[in-house]
Amino acid sequence: MHIESNIGDYKTFLDNIFQNLEKAGFTRDEFRELDHIAYRTETIERYEEIKKELLEFSQSHSDKMFGGRRILVCHLKRPLIFEEFSIAGFELLAPKADNRHKEGLEHAEFVIKTKLPEFREKHNEIDFDLRAYNREDNPELVIEFGDCAAKFHTQSLLDVRNI
């Protein structure tokens, strides 16, 4: 069994992310790593079903409440490989009470090589979502592309969660 049977075609998803990033003016050399990708579920039942299956691919994990919903963060036994990136983390998102999102791969998160203010200034033409920019725990910048998003921070989610 492969993780793709649970999460879908992550390579096509990441192709889409990188095409959008390139169009927006980002370059791969700005990223230290692609630390994880995230999958959103529409129901808590689907969250539990996928969680059970994902744990088979995880060497360690954390399942906690964050932002009004449960989030599973997995450190994968075998990283997902996409071009030059080795992706060690995976995030499974339970739906929020006011869920308006379809189930599927939702975002990719990158650890950047510079500090967030420098990165933001370099890309000052980008209308970043700043909701988590001043967050105490691993602040981030977000850019949405309609059907997917990219998030940028300075620490890996696996390091922040100690997984």
Protein backbone atom coordinates (compact mmCIF):
# COMPACT_ATOMS: atom_id res chain seq x y z
CA MET A 1 0.00 0.00 0.00
CA HIS A 2 1.22 3.50 -0.87
CA ILE A 3 0.44 6.79 0.84
CA GLU A 4 -0.97 8.08 -2.48
CA SER A 5 -3.95 5.73 -2.08
CA ASN A 6 -4.94 7.88 0.93
CA ILE A 7 -3.95 11.38 -0.15
CA GLY A 8 -4.07 11.30 -3.94
CA ASP A 9 -1.51 12.42 -6.50
CA TYR A 10 0.77 14.68 -4.49
CA LYS A 11 3.20 15.11 -7.40
CA THR A 12 0.57 16.72 -9.65
CA PHE A 13 -0.51 18.84 -6.67
CA LEU A 14 3.09 20.03 -6.13
CA ASP A 15 3.56 20.65 -9.87
CA ASN A 16 0.60 23.04 -9.60
CA ILE A 17 2.05 24.74 -6.49
CA PHE A 18 5.42 25.28 -8.16
CA GLN A 19 3.90 26.55 -11.41
CA ASN A 20 1.92 29.11 -9.40
CA LEU A 21 4.97 30.08 -7.32
CA GLU A 22 7.04 30.61 -10.45
CA LYS A 23 4.34 32.77 -12.06
CA ALA A 24 4.23 34.84 -8.85
CA GLY A 25 7.99 35.46 -8.96
CA PHE A 26 9.32 32.99 -6.39
CA THR A 27 12.44 30.89 -7.04
CA ARG A 28 13.33 27.52 -5.57
CA ASP A 29 16.63 28.78 -4.20
CA GLU A 30 14.66 30.84 -1.65
CA PHE A 31 13.55 27.65 0.09
CA ARG A 32 15.65 25.70 2.57
CA GLU A 33 13.13 22.86 2.46
CA LEU A 34 9.62 21.82 1.58
CA ASP A 35 8.85 20.52 5.05
CA HIS A 36 5.31 19.22 4.62
CA ILE A 37 2.12 19.12 2.61
CA ALA A 38 -1.39 19.21 4.04
CA TYR A 39 -4.62 17.38 3.31
CA ARG A 40 -8.01 18.71 4.44
CA THR A 41 -10.99 16.49 5.22
CA GLU A 42 -14.67 17.44 4.97
CA THR A 43 -15.92 15.35 7.92
CA ILE A 44 -14.53 14.15 11.22
CA GLU A 45 -15.32 10.59 10.10
CA ARG A 46 -13.02 11.01 7.07
CA TYR A 47 -10.38 12.55 9.33
CA GLU A 48 -10.43 9.47 11.57
CA GLU A 49 -10.40 7.10 8.58
CA ILE A 50 -7.43 8.77 6.89
CA LYS A 51 -5.63 9.25 10.20
CA LYS A 52 -5.76 5.52 10.91
CA GLU A 53 -4.23 4.78 7.51
CA LEU A 54 -1.62 7.56 7.70
CA LEU A 55 -0.30 6.29 11.02
CA GLU A 56 0.96 3.20 9.18
CA PHE A 57 3.30 5.49 7.20
CA SER A 58 4.44 7.52 10.25
CA GLN A 59 7.38 7.00 12.54
CA SER A 60 5.93 9.52 14.99
CA HIS A 61 2.95 11.87 15.14
CA SER A 62 1.02 14.47 17.08
CA ASP A 63 -2.78 14.82 17.09
CA LYS A 64 -3.82 18.06 18.80
CA MET A 65 -6.42 20.79 18.74
CA PHE A 66 -5.23 23.90 16.91
CA GLY A 67 -7.31 26.77 15.60
CA GLY A 68 -10.60 25.14 16.59
CA ARG A 69 -10.02 21.75 14.98
CA ARG A 70 -7.88 18.65 15.27
CA ILE A 71 -4.68 18.49 13.29
CA LEU A 72 -2.55 15.39 12.84
CA VAL A 73 1.12 16.03 12.09
CA CYS A 74 3.10 13.00 10.95
CA HIS A 75 6.82 12.45 10.61
CA LEU A 76 6.85 10.01 7.72
CA LYS A 77 8.86 6.78 7.83
CA ARG A 78 9.79 7.33 4.19
CA PRO A 79 9.80 10.93 2.98
CA LEU A 80 7.76 11.89 -0.05
CA ILE A 81 10.08 12.72 -2.93
CA PHE A 82 9.34 15.51 -5.35
CA GLU A 83 12.13 16.55 -7.68
CA GLU A 84 14.96 17.84 -5.43
CA PHE A 85 12.77 17.93 -2.31
CA SER A 86 12.51 15.26 0.38
CA ILE A 87 9.30 15.92 2.31
CA ALA A 88 9.43 14.43 5.81
CA GLY A 89 6.17 15.82 7.19
CA PHE A 90 2.49 15.46 6.49
CA GLU A 91 -0.43 17.37 8.02
CA LEU A 92 -4.01 16.10 8.14
CA LEU A 93 -6.64 18.75 8.87
CA ALA A 94 -10.01 18.00 10.41
CA PRO A 95 -12.81 20.30 9.27
CA LYS A 96 -13.73 23.40 11.24
CA ALA A 97 -17.35 23.83 12.31
CA ASP A 98 -18.00 26.24 9.42
CA ASN A 99 -16.22 24.07 6.84
CA ARG A 100 -16.52 25.37 3.27
CA HIS A 101 -13.59 23.43 1.84
CA LYS A 102 -13.56 20.33 -0.31
CA GLU A 103 -11.53 17.33 0.73
CA GLY A 104 -8.08 17.01 -0.78
CA LEU A 105 -4.54 18.27 -0.78
CA GLU A 106 -4.64 21.89 0.31
CA HIS A 107 -1.25 23.49 0.86
CA ALA A 108 2.52 23.04 0.89
CA GLU A 109 4.74 24.67 3.50
CA PHE A 110 8.27 25.87 2.91
CA VAL A 111 11.07 26.75 5.29
CA ILE A 112 12.68 29.85 3.82
CA LYS A 113 16.35 30.83 3.96
CA THR A 114 15.76 34.39 5.21
CA LYS A 115 13.74 35.95 7.99
CA LEU A 116 10.04 36.54 7.29
CA PRO A 117 10.26 40.37 7.12
CA GLU A 118 13.07 40.14 4.53
CA PHE A 119 11.13 37.57 2.51
CA ARG A 120 8.00 39.73 2.65
CA GLU A 121 9.93 42.82 1.55
CA LYS A 122 11.57 40.94 -1.34
CA HIS A 123 8.09 39.98 -2.54
CA ASN A 124 6.33 43.23 -1.64
CA GLU A 125 4.12 43.01 -4.77
CA ILE A 126 2.49 39.86 -3.36
CA ASP A 127 -0.75 40.25 -1.42
CA PHE A 128 0.15 37.76 1.33
CA ASP A 129 -2.42 36.53 3.82
CA LEU A 130 -0.99 37.89 7.08
CA ARG A 131 -3.32 36.19 9.59
CA ALA A 132 -0.45 34.12 11.03
CA TYR A 133 2.35 36.62 10.40
CA ASN A 134 2.50 37.77 14.03
CA ARG A 135 1.69 34.39 15.55
CA GLU A 136 4.05 33.55 18.41
CA ASP A 137 4.54 29.92 17.37
CA ASN A 138 6.21 29.67 13.93
CA PRO A 139 4.74 32.76 12.20
CA GLU A 140 4.09 32.46 8.50
CA LEU A 141 3.20 34.19 5.27
CA VAL A 142 0.56 32.62 3.03
CA ILE A 143 -0.20 32.99 -0.66
CA GLU A 144 -3.38 31.42 -2.03
CA PHE A 145 -3.76 30.29 -5.62
CA GLY A 146 -7.46 29.41 -5.72
CA ASP A 147 -7.32 25.65 -5.39
CA CYS A 148 -4.11 25.48 -3.33
CA ALA A 149 -1.82 27.57 -1.16
CA ALA A 150 1.83 27.93 -0.21
CA LYS A 151 2.94 28.89 3.28
CA PHE A 152 6.37 30.21 4.25
CA HIS A 153 8.01 30.06 7.66
CA THR A 154 11.49 29.84 9.21
CA GLN A 155 11.13 26.55 11.10
CA SER A 156 9.95 23.12 10.07
CA LEU A 157 6.60 22.03 11.50
CA LEU A 158 8.24 18.80 12.68
CA ASP A 159 10.78 20.82 14.71
CA VAL A 160 8.13 23.16 16.15
CA ARG A 161 5.94 20.20 17.21
CA ASN A 162 8.99 18.16 18.35
CA ILE A 163 7.93 15.18 16.27
